[in-house]
Amino acid sequence: MYNEYHCPIDWLYPLRQWLAAIEVHSSQQAHLICRLIPSQCPFARDIQLWGRTILHIPPLCKLNPLYEQMVELRWRSLCYLADRCGEDITAYC
């Protein structure tokens, strides 16, 4: 669908704004966010047959329209844990 200027309407804009506006207020919230949002794309795979790679599936997460906001939210959570709480975040890296 297009608006009056013939530009595509971004239906996900409100969701993007909501994700960008989430503030991390507690270590429990930050830990939950870090557990829910993976550090690497879980869909990237190497398909092997008899020890040889026959197919590589590239990471497809960047095709997710909310990818940038999710990575930013995870980053804010990691920063909160490291800077405000003084916790070791190597388990999430």
PDB file of N, CA and C in Angstrom:
ATOM      1  N   MET A   1       0.845  -1.166   0.000  1.00  0.00           N
ATOM      2  CA  MET A   1       0.000   0.000   0.000  1.00  0.00           C
ATOM      3  C   MET A   1       0.896   1.237   0.000  1.00  0.00           C
ATOM      4  N   TYR A   2       0.443   2.283  -0.667  1.00  0.00           N
ATOM      5  CA  TYR A   2       1.228   3.497  -0.802  1.00  0.00           C
ATOM      6  C   TYR A   2       0.470   4.682  -0.211  1.00  0.00           C
ATOM      7  N   ASN A   3       1.210   5.661   0.262  1.00  0.00           N
ATOM      8  CA  ASN A   3       0.573   6.880   0.764  1.00  0.00           C
ATOM      9  C   ASN A   3       0.395   7.870  -0.380  1.00  0.00           C
ATOM     10  N   GLU A   4       0.001   9.092  -0.075  1.00  0.00           N
ATOM     11  CA  GLU A   4      -0.309  10.080  -1.108  1.00  0.00           C
ATOM     12  C   GLU A   4       0.902  10.474  -1.946  1.00  0.00           C
ATOM     13  N   TYR A   5       2.124  10.236  -1.469  1.00  0.00           N
ATOM     14  CA  TYR A   5       3.330  10.584  -2.208  1.00  0.00           C
ATOM     15  C   TYR A   5       3.921   9.380  -2.928  1.00  0.00           C
ATOM     16  N   HIS A   6       3.181   8.301  -2.973  1.00  0.00           N
ATOM     17  CA  HIS A   6       3.579   7.063  -3.641  1.00  0.00           C
ATOM     18  C   HIS A   6       4.820   6.427  -3.020  1.00  0.00           C
ATOM     19  N   CYS A   7       4.957   6.569  -1.715  1.00  0.00           N
ATOM     20  CA  CYS A   7       6.023   5.913  -0.972  1.00  0.00           C
ATOM     21  C   CYS A   7       5.402   4.732  -0.239  1.00  0.00           C
ATOM     22  N   PRO A   8       6.105   3.638  -0.157  1.00  0.00           N
ATOM     23  CA  PRO A   8       5.539   2.502   0.564  1.00  0.00           C
ATOM     24  C   PRO A   8       5.334   2.838   2.039  1.00  0.00           C
ATOM     25  N   ILE A   9       4.234   2.373   2.583  1.00  0.00           N
ATOM     26  CA  ILE A   9       3.933   2.597   3.995  1.00  0.00           C
ATOM     27  C   ILE A   9       4.685   1.561   4.821  1.00  0.00           C
ATOM     28  N   ASP A  10       5.366   2.016   5.834  1.00  0.00           N
ATOM     29  CA  ASP A  10       6.115   1.131   6.720  1.00  0.00           C
ATOM     30  C   ASP A  10       5.204   0.684   7.861  1.00  0.00           C
ATOM     31  N   TRP A  11       4.605  -0.479   7.708  1.00  0.00           N
ATOM     32  CA  TRP A  11       3.659  -0.996   8.701  1.00  0.00           C
ATOM     33  C   TRP A  11       4.344  -1.357  10.007  1.00  0.00           C
ATOM     34  N   LEU A  12       5.631  -1.598   9.963  1.00  0.00           N
ATOM     35  CA  LEU A  12       6.350  -2.005  11.171  1.00  0.00           C
ATOM     36  C   LEU A  12       6.944  -0.835  11.933  1.00  0.00           C
ATOM     37  N   TYR A  13       6.761   0.376  11.446  1.00  0.00           N
ATOM     38  CA  TYR A  13       7.331   1.549  12.097  1.00  0.00           C
ATOM     39  C   TYR A  13       6.938   1.660  13.580  1.00  0.00           C
ATOM     40  N   PRO A  14       5.664   1.485  13.947  1.00  0.00           N
ATOM     41  CA  PRO A  14       5.319   1.569  15.378  1.00  0.00           C
ATOM     42  C   PRO A  14       6.041   0.517  16.221  1.00  0.00           C
ATOM     43  N   LEU A  15       6.194  -0.688  15.685  1.00  0.00           N
ATOM     44  CA  LEU A  15       6.903  -1.737  16.421  1.00  0.00           C
ATOM     45  C   LEU A  15       8.388  -1.411  16.539  1.00  0.00           C
ATOM     46  N   ARG A  16       8.970  -0.869  15.485  1.00  0.00           N
ATOM     47  CA  ARG A  16      10.377  -0.448  15.534  1.00  0.00           C
ATOM     48  C   ARG A  16      10.583   0.632  16.595  1.00  0.00           C
ATOM     49  N   GLN A  17       9.685   1.599  16.619  1.00  0.00           N
ATOM     50  CA  GLN A  17       9.764   2.677  17.600  1.00  0.00           C
ATOM     51  C   GLN A  17       9.607   2.137  19.019  1.00  0.00           C
ATOM     52  N   TRP A  18       8.701   1.199  19.207  1.00  0.00           N
ATOM     53  CA  TRP A  18       8.479   0.609  20.530  1.00  0.00           C
ATOM     54  C   TRP A  18       9.728  -0.127  21.005  1.00  0.00           C
ATOM     55  N   LEU A  19      10.340  -0.929  20.114  1.00  0.00           N
ATOM     56  CA  LEU A  19      11.566  -1.645  20.484  1.00  0.00           C
ATOM     57  C   LEU A  19      12.698  -0.680  20.794  1.00  0.00           C
ATOM     58  N   ALA A  20      12.801   0.392  20.030  1.00  0.00           N
ATOM     59  CA  ALA A  20      13.872   1.372  20.250  1.00  0.00           C
ATOM     60  C   ALA A  20      13.664   2.141  21.552  1.00  0.00           C
ATOM     61  N   ALA A  21      12.433   2.220  22.022  1.00  0.00           N
ATOM     62  CA  ALA A  21      12.139   2.996  23.226  1.00  0.00           C
ATOM     63  C   ALA A  21      12.226   2.180  24.516  1.00  0.00           C
ATOM     64  N   ILE A  22      12.408   0.869  24.413  1.00  0.00           N
ATOM     65  CA  ILE A  22      12.487   0.038  25.616  1.00  0.00           C
ATOM     66  C   ILE A  22      13.741   0.413  26.395  1.00  0.00           C
ATOM     67  N   GLU A  23      13.558   0.722  27.664  1.00  0.00           N
ATOM     68  CA  GLU A  23      14.682   1.040  28.537  1.00  0.00           C
ATOM     69  C   GLU A  23      14.902  -0.119  29.493  1.00  0.00           C
ATOM     70  N   VAL A  24      16.145  -0.431  29.723  1.00  0.00           N
ATOM     71  CA  VAL A  24      16.500  -1.522  30.632  1.00  0.00           C
ATOM     72  C   VAL A  24      16.627  -0.921  32.027  1.00  0.00           C
ATOM     73  N   HIS A  25      15.821  -1.445  32.961  1.00  0.00           N
ATOM     74  CA  HIS A  25      15.776  -0.895  34.315  1.00  0.00           C
ATOM     75  C   HIS A  25      16.268  -1.854  35.395  1.00  0.00           C
ATOM     76  N   SER A  26      16.438  -3.136  35.054  1.00  0.00           N
ATOM     77  CA  SER A  26      16.857  -4.086  36.086  1.00  0.00           C
ATOM     78  C   SER A  26      17.753  -5.147  35.462  1.00  0.00           C
ATOM     79  N   SER A  27      18.526  -5.775  36.322  1.00  0.00           N
ATOM     80  CA  SER A  27      19.408  -6.828  35.822  1.00  0.00           C
ATOM     81  C   SER A  27      18.603  -8.043  35.372  1.00  0.00           C
ATOM     82  N   GLN A  28      17.468  -8.301  36.010  1.00  0.00           N
ATOM     83  CA  GLN A  28      16.627  -9.426  35.590  1.00  0.00           C
ATOM     84  C   GLN A  28      16.106  -9.203  34.171  1.00  0.00           C
ATOM     85  N   GLN A  29      15.657  -8.005  33.898  1.00  0.00           N
ATOM     86  CA  GLN A  29      15.169  -7.666  32.565  1.00  0.00           C
ATOM     87  C   GLN A  29      16.303  -7.789  31.539  1.00  0.00           C
ATOM     88  N   ALA A  30      17.481  -7.298  31.878  1.00  0.00           N
ATOM     89  CA  ALA A  30      18.624  -7.358  30.975  1.00  0.00           C
ATOM     90  C   ALA A  30      19.032  -8.800  30.706  1.00  0.00           C
ATOM     91  N   HIS A  31      19.052  -9.639  31.740  1.00  0.00           N
ATOM     92  CA  HIS A  31      19.393 -11.054  31.553  1.00  0.00           C
ATOM     93  C   HIS A  31      18.366 -11.737  30.653  1.00  0.00           C
ATOM     94  N   LEU A  32      17.096 -11.443  30.841  1.00  0.00           N
ATOM     95  CA  LEU A  32      16.045 -12.048  30.026  1.00  0.00           C
ATOM     96  C   LEU A  32      16.210 -11.647  28.554  1.00  0.00           C
ATOM     97  N   ILE A  33      16.450 -10.386  28.298  1.00  0.00           N
ATOM     98  CA  ILE A  33      16.640  -9.918  26.925  1.00  0.00           C
ATOM     99  C   ILE A  33      17.854 -10.593  26.295  1.00  0.00           C
ATOM    100  N   CYS A  34      18.938 -10.708  27.035  1.00  0.00           N
ATOM    101  CA  CYS A  34      20.160 -11.327  26.501  1.00  0.00           C
ATOM    102  C   CYS A  34      19.967 -12.816  26.234  1.00  0.00           C
ATOM    103  N   ARG A  35      19.123 -13.459  27.017  1.00  0.00           N
ATOM    104  CA  ARG A  35      18.839 -14.882  26.773  1.00  0.00           C
ATOM    105  C   ARG A  35      17.905 -15.059  25.579  1.00  0.00           C
ATOM    106  N   LEU A  36      16.969 -14.150  25.385  1.00  0.00           N
ATOM    107  CA  LEU A  36      15.983 -14.287  24.314  1.00  0.00           C
ATOM    108  C   LEU A  36      16.529 -13.906  22.938  1.00  0.00           C
ATOM    109  N   ILE A  37      17.409 -12.921  22.893  1.00  0.00           N
ATOM    110  CA  ILE A  37      17.956 -12.468  21.612  1.00  0.00           C
ATOM    111  C   ILE A  37      19.347 -13.061  21.455  1.00  0.00           C
ATOM    112  N   PRO A  38      19.553 -13.960  20.490  1.00  0.00           N
ATOM    113  CA  PRO A  38      20.862 -14.610  20.330  1.00  0.00           C
ATOM    114  C   PRO A  38      21.930 -13.644  19.829  1.00  0.00           C
ATOM    115  N   SER A  39      23.186 -13.958  20.143  1.00  0.00           N
ATOM    116  CA  SER A  39      24.293 -13.104  19.715  1.00  0.00           C
ATOM    117  C   SER A  39      24.646 -13.330  18.249  1.00  0.00           C
ATOM    118  N   GLN A  40      24.314 -14.501  17.727  1.00  0.00           N
ATOM    119  CA  GLN A  40      24.578 -14.807  16.326  1.00  0.00           C
ATOM    120  C   GLN A  40      23.305 -15.355  15.706  1.00  0.00           C
ATOM    121  N   CYS A  41      23.220 -15.279  14.407  1.00  0.00           N
ATOM    122  CA  CYS A  41      22.043 -15.766  13.708  1.00  0.00           C
ATOM    123  C   CYS A  41      21.943 -17.284  13.877  1.00  0.00           C
ATOM    124  N   PRO A  42      20.842 -17.779  14.436  1.00  0.00           N
ATOM    125  CA  PRO A  42      20.715 -19.217  14.667  1.00  0.00           C
ATOM    126  C   PRO A  42      20.417 -20.008  13.403  1.00  0.00           C
ATOM    127  N   PHE A  43      20.209 -19.350  12.270  1.00  0.00           N
ATOM    128  CA  PHE A  43      19.825 -20.058  11.058  1.00  0.00           C
ATOM    129  C   PHE A  43      21.009 -20.384  10.157  1.00  0.00           C
ATOM    130  N   ALA A  44      22.166 -19.801  10.415  1.00  0.00           N
ATOM    131  CA  ALA A  44      23.350 -20.080   9.600  1.00  0.00           C
ATOM    132  C   ALA A  44      23.822 -21.512   9.889  1.00  0.00           C
ATOM    133  N   ARG A  45      24.000 -22.272   8.838  1.00  0.00           N
ATOM    134  CA  ARG A  45      24.382 -23.681   8.996  1.00  0.00           C
ATOM    135  C   ARG A  45      25.306 -24.117   7.863  1.00  0.00           C
ATOM    136  N   ASP A  46      26.134 -25.111   8.168  1.00  0.00           N
ATOM    137  CA  ASP A  46      26.892 -25.837   7.157  1.00  0.00           C
ATOM    138  C   ASP A  46      26.332 -27.248   7.129  1.00  0.00           C
ATOM    139  N   ILE A  47      25.875 -27.678   5.967  1.00  0.00           N
ATOM    140  CA  ILE A  47      25.354 -29.035   5.796  1.00  0.00           C
ATOM    141  C   ILE A  47      26.519 -29.897   5.331  1.00  0.00           C
ATOM    142  N   GLN A  48      26.818 -30.921   6.129  1.00  0.00           N
ATOM    143  CA  GLN A  48      27.964 -31.771   5.808  1.00  0.00           C
ATOM    144  C   GLN A  48      27.512 -33.187   5.508  1.00  0.00           C
ATOM    145  N   LEU A  49      28.232 -33.812   4.603  1.00  0.00           N
ATOM    146  CA  LEU A  49      27.987 -35.206   4.239  1.00  0.00           C
ATOM    147  C   LEU A  49      29.342 -35.895   4.150  1.00  0.00           C
ATOM    148  N   TRP A  50      29.540 -36.899   4.961  1.00  0.00           N
ATOM    149  CA  TRP A  50      30.803 -37.631   5.056  1.00  0.00           C
ATOM    150  C   TRP A  50      31.985 -36.712   5.328  1.00  0.00           C
ATOM    151  N   GLY A  51      31.778 -35.756   6.210  1.00  0.00           N
ATOM    152  CA  GLY A  51      32.844 -34.868   6.623  1.00  0.00           C
ATOM    153  C   GLY A  51      33.140 -33.716   5.669  1.00  0.00           C
ATOM    154  N   ARG A  52      32.406 -33.612   4.584  1.00  0.00           N
ATOM    155  CA  ARG A  52      32.626 -32.533   3.615  1.00  0.00           C
ATOM    156  C   ARG A  52      31.411 -31.613   3.606  1.00  0.00           C
ATOM    157  N   THR A  53      31.673 -30.329   3.558  1.00  0.00           N
ATOM    158  CA  THR A  53      30.588 -29.357   3.498  1.00  0.00           C
ATOM    159  C   THR A  53      30.017 -29.343   2.088  1.00  0.00           C
ATOM    160  N   ILE A  54      28.725 -29.671   1.980  1.00  0.00           N
ATOM    161  CA  ILE A  54      28.102 -29.690   0.657  1.00  0.00           C
ATOM    162  C   ILE A  54      27.170 -28.498   0.434  1.00  0.00           C
ATOM    163  N   LEU A  55      26.759 -27.847   1.537  1.00  0.00           N
ATOM    164  CA  LEU A  55      25.863 -26.712   1.414  1.00  0.00           C
ATOM    165  C   LEU A  55      26.073 -25.770   2.587  1.00  0.00           C
ATOM    166  N   HIS A  56      26.145 -24.498   2.291  1.00  0.00           N
ATOM    167  CA  HIS A  56      26.256 -23.480   3.340  1.00  0.00           C
ATOM    168  C   HIS A  56      25.017 -22.607   3.293  1.00  0.00           C
ATOM    169  N   ILE A  57      24.296 -22.538   4.408  1.00  0.00           N
ATOM    170  CA  ILE A  57      23.136 -21.659   4.514  1.00  0.00           C
ATOM    171  C   ILE A  57      23.617 -20.392   5.205  1.00  0.00           C
ATOM    172  N   PRO A  58      23.579 -19.263   4.512  1.00  0.00           N
ATOM    173  CA  PRO A  58      24.091 -18.018   5.107  1.00  0.00           C
ATOM    174  C   PRO A  58      23.158 -17.498   6.192  1.00  0.00           C
ATOM    175  N   PRO A  59      23.663 -16.626   7.053  1.00  0.00           N
ATOM    176  CA  PRO A  59      22.796 -16.030   8.071  1.00  0.00           C
ATOM    177  C   PRO A  59      21.720 -15.178   7.403  1.00  0.00           C
ATOM    178  N   LEU A  60      20.488 -15.445   7.759  1.00  0.00           N
ATOM    179  CA  LEU A  60      19.364 -14.749   7.142  1.00  0.00           C
ATOM    180  C   LEU A  60      18.738 -13.712   8.070  1.00  0.00           C
ATOM    181  N   CYS A  61      19.329 -13.492   9.216  1.00  0.00           N
ATOM    182  CA  CYS A  61      18.733 -12.591  10.194  1.00  0.00           C
ATOM    183  C   CYS A  61      18.627 -11.168   9.685  1.00  0.00           C
ATOM    184  N   LYS A  62      19.536 -10.756   8.825  1.00  0.00           N
ATOM    185  CA  LYS A  62      19.480  -9.376   8.329  1.00  0.00           C
ATOM    186  C   LYS A  62      18.273  -9.158   7.421  1.00  0.00           C
ATOM    187  N   LEU A  63      17.605 -10.219   7.016  1.00  0.00           N
ATOM    188  CA  LEU A  63      16.367 -10.080   6.260  1.00  0.00           C
ATOM    189  C   LEU A  63      15.187  -9.770   7.179  1.00  0.00           C
ATOM    190  N   ASN A  64      15.380  -9.965   8.461  1.00  0.00           N
ATOM    191  CA  ASN A  64      14.347  -9.654   9.451  1.00  0.00           C
ATOM    192  C   ASN A  64      14.171  -8.136   9.500  1.00  0.00           C
ATOM    193  N   PRO A  65      12.961  -7.640   9.312  1.00  0.00           N
ATOM    194  CA  PRO A  65      12.775  -6.190   9.303  1.00  0.00           C
ATOM    195  C   PRO A  65      13.004  -5.521  10.660  1.00  0.00           C
ATOM    196  N   LEU A  66      13.076  -6.302  11.726  1.00  0.00           N
ATOM    197  CA  LEU A  66      13.306  -5.742  13.058  1.00  0.00           C
ATOM    198  C   LEU A  66      14.714  -6.056  13.576  1.00  0.00           C
ATOM    199  N   TYR A  67      15.578  -6.528  12.698  1.00  0.00           N
ATOM    200  CA  TYR A  67      16.919  -6.965  13.090  1.00  0.00           C
ATOM    201  C   TYR A  67      17.700  -5.870  13.825  1.00  0.00           C
ATOM    202  N   GLU A  68      17.765  -4.688  13.257  1.00  0.00           N
ATOM    203  CA  GLU A  68      18.556  -3.609  13.853  1.00  0.00           C
ATOM    204  C   GLU A  68      18.062  -3.247  15.252  1.00  0.00           C
ATOM    205  N   GLN A  69      16.758  -3.185  15.432  1.00  0.00           N
ATOM    206  CA  GLN A  69      16.206  -2.826  16.735  1.00  0.00           C
ATOM    207  C   GLN A  69      16.461  -3.924  17.764  1.00  0.00           C
ATOM    208  N   MET A  70      16.410  -5.183  17.348  1.00  0.00           N
ATOM    209  CA  MET A  70      16.674  -6.293  18.266  1.00  0.00           C
ATOM    210  C   MET A  70      18.139  -6.299  18.706  1.00  0.00           C
ATOM    211  N   VAL A  71      19.045  -6.089  17.768  1.00  0.00           N
ATOM    212  CA  VAL A  71      20.474  -6.053  18.098  1.00  0.00           C
ATOM    213  C   VAL A  71      20.767  -4.869  19.018  1.00  0.00           C
ATOM    214  N   GLU A  72      20.134  -3.741  18.748  1.00  0.00           N
ATOM    215  CA  GLU A  72      20.327  -2.559  19.586  1.00  0.00           C
ATOM    216  C   GLU A  72      19.804  -2.792  21.005  1.00  0.00           C
ATOM    217  N   LEU A  73      18.659  -3.437  21.128  1.00  0.00           N
ATOM    218  CA  LEU A  73      18.092  -3.738  22.444  1.00  0.00           C
ATOM    219  C   LEU A  73      19.004  -4.691  23.214  1.00  0.00           C
ATOM    220  N   ARG A  74      19.540  -5.694  22.538  1.00  0.00           N
ATOM    221  CA  ARG A  74      20.471  -6.619  23.191  1.00  0.00           C
ATOM    222  C   ARG A  74      21.729  -5.879  23.648  1.00  0.00           C
ATOM    223  N   TRP A  75      22.222  -4.984  22.805  1.00  0.00           N
ATOM    224  CA  TRP A  75      23.414  -4.205  23.140  1.00  0.00           C
ATOM    225  C   TRP A  75      23.170  -3.333  24.374  1.00  0.00           C
ATOM    226  N   ARG A  76      22.005  -2.684  24.422  1.00  0.00           N
ATOM    227  CA  ARG A  76      21.682  -1.857  25.588  1.00  0.00           C
ATOM    228  C   ARG A  76      21.607  -2.708  26.850  1.00  0.00           C
ATOM    229  N   SER A  77      21.089  -3.918  26.740  1.00  0.00           N
ATOM    230  CA  SER A  77      21.013  -4.818  27.889  1.00  0.00           C
ATOM    231  C   SER A  77      22.399  -5.247  28.353  1.00  0.00           C
ATOM    232  N   LEU A  78      23.261  -5.569  27.402  1.00  0.00           N
ATOM    233  CA  LEU A  78      24.638  -5.949  27.757  1.00  0.00           C
ATOM    234  C   LEU A  78      25.374  -4.787  28.413  1.00  0.00           C
ATOM    235  N   CYS A  79      25.192  -3.597  27.887  1.00  0.00           N
ATOM    236  CA  CYS A  79      25.830  -2.411  28.473  1.00  0.00           C
ATOM    237  C   CYS A  79      25.310  -2.155  29.882  1.00  0.00           C
ATOM    238  N   TYR A  80      24.030  -2.350  30.099  1.00  0.00           N
ATOM    239  CA  TYR A  80      23.451  -2.171  31.426  1.00  0.00           C
ATOM    240  C   TYR A  80      24.084  -3.151  32.416  1.00  0.00           C
ATOM    241  N   LEU A  81      24.185  -4.418  31.999  1.00  0.00           N
ATOM    242  CA  LEU A  81      24.778  -5.419  32.892  1.00  0.00           C
ATOM    243  C   LEU A  81      26.234  -5.110  33.200  1.00  0.00           C
ATOM    244  N   ALA A  82      26.988  -4.700  32.184  1.00  0.00           N
ATOM    245  CA  ALA A  82      28.418  -4.455  32.381  1.00  0.00           C
ATOM    246  C   ALA A  82      28.678  -3.145  33.117  1.00  0.00           C
ATOM    247  N   ASP A  83      28.020  -2.077  32.695  1.00  0.00           N
ATOM    248  CA  ASP A  83      28.320  -0.749  33.234  1.00  0.00           C
ATOM    249  C   ASP A  83      27.606  -0.466  34.554  1.00  0.00           C
ATOM    250  N   ARG A  84      26.329  -0.721  34.608  1.00  0.00           N
ATOM    251  CA  ARG A  84      25.557  -0.391  35.808  1.00  0.00           C
ATOM    252  C   ARG A  84      25.670  -1.450  36.900  1.00  0.00           C
ATOM    253  N   CYS A  85      25.637  -2.730  36.489  1.00  0.00           N
ATOM    254  CA  CYS A  85      25.635  -3.817  37.479  1.00  0.00           C
ATOM    255  C   CYS A  85      27.031  -4.373  37.746  1.00  0.00           C
ATOM    256  N   GLY A  86      27.991  -4.076  36.864  1.00  0.00           N
ATOM    257  CA  GLY A  86      29.349  -4.571  37.045  1.00  0.00           C
ATOM    258  C   GLY A  86      29.457  -6.070  36.863  1.00  0.00           C
ATOM    259  N   GLU A  87      28.556  -6.662  36.087  1.00  0.00           N
ATOM    260  CA  GLU A  87      28.561  -8.117  35.885  1.00  0.00           C
ATOM    261  C   GLU A  87      29.439  -8.506  34.701  1.00  0.00           C
ATOM    262  N   ASP A  88      29.878  -9.751  34.737  1.00  0.00           N
ATOM    263  CA  ASP A  88      30.656 -10.310  33.636  1.00  0.00           C
ATOM    264  C   ASP A  88      29.672 -10.772  32.568  1.00  0.00           C
ATOM    265  N   ILE A  89      29.821 -10.256  31.355  1.00  0.00           N
ATOM    266  CA  ILE A  89      28.870 -10.573  30.294  1.00  0.00           C
ATOM    267  C   ILE A  89      29.437 -11.555  29.267  1.00  0.00           C
ATOM    268  N   THR A  90      30.578 -12.161  29.561  1.00  0.00           N
ATOM    269  CA  THR A  90      31.190 -13.077  28.588  1.00  0.00           C
ATOM    270  C   THR A  90      30.300 -14.278  28.293  1.00  0.00           C
ATOM    271  N   ALA A  91      29.404 -14.629  29.182  1.00  0.00           N
ATOM    272  CA  ALA A  91      28.497 -15.764  28.925  1.00  0.00           C
ATOM    273  C   ALA A  91      27.533 -15.455  27.788  1.00  0.00           C
ATOM    274  N   TYR A  92      27.299 -14.178  27.509  1.00  0.00           N
ATOM    275  CA  TYR A  92      26.364 -13.787  26.463  1.00  0.00           C
ATOM    276  C   TYR A  92      27.045 -13.440  25.149  1.00  0.00           C
ATOM    277  N   CYS A  93      28.352 -13.542  25.095  1.00  0.00           N
ATOM    278  CA  CYS A  93      29.073 -13.181  23.868  1.00  0.00           C
ATOM    279  C   CYS A  93      29.391 -14.398  23.025  1.00  0.00           C
TER     280      CYS A  93
END
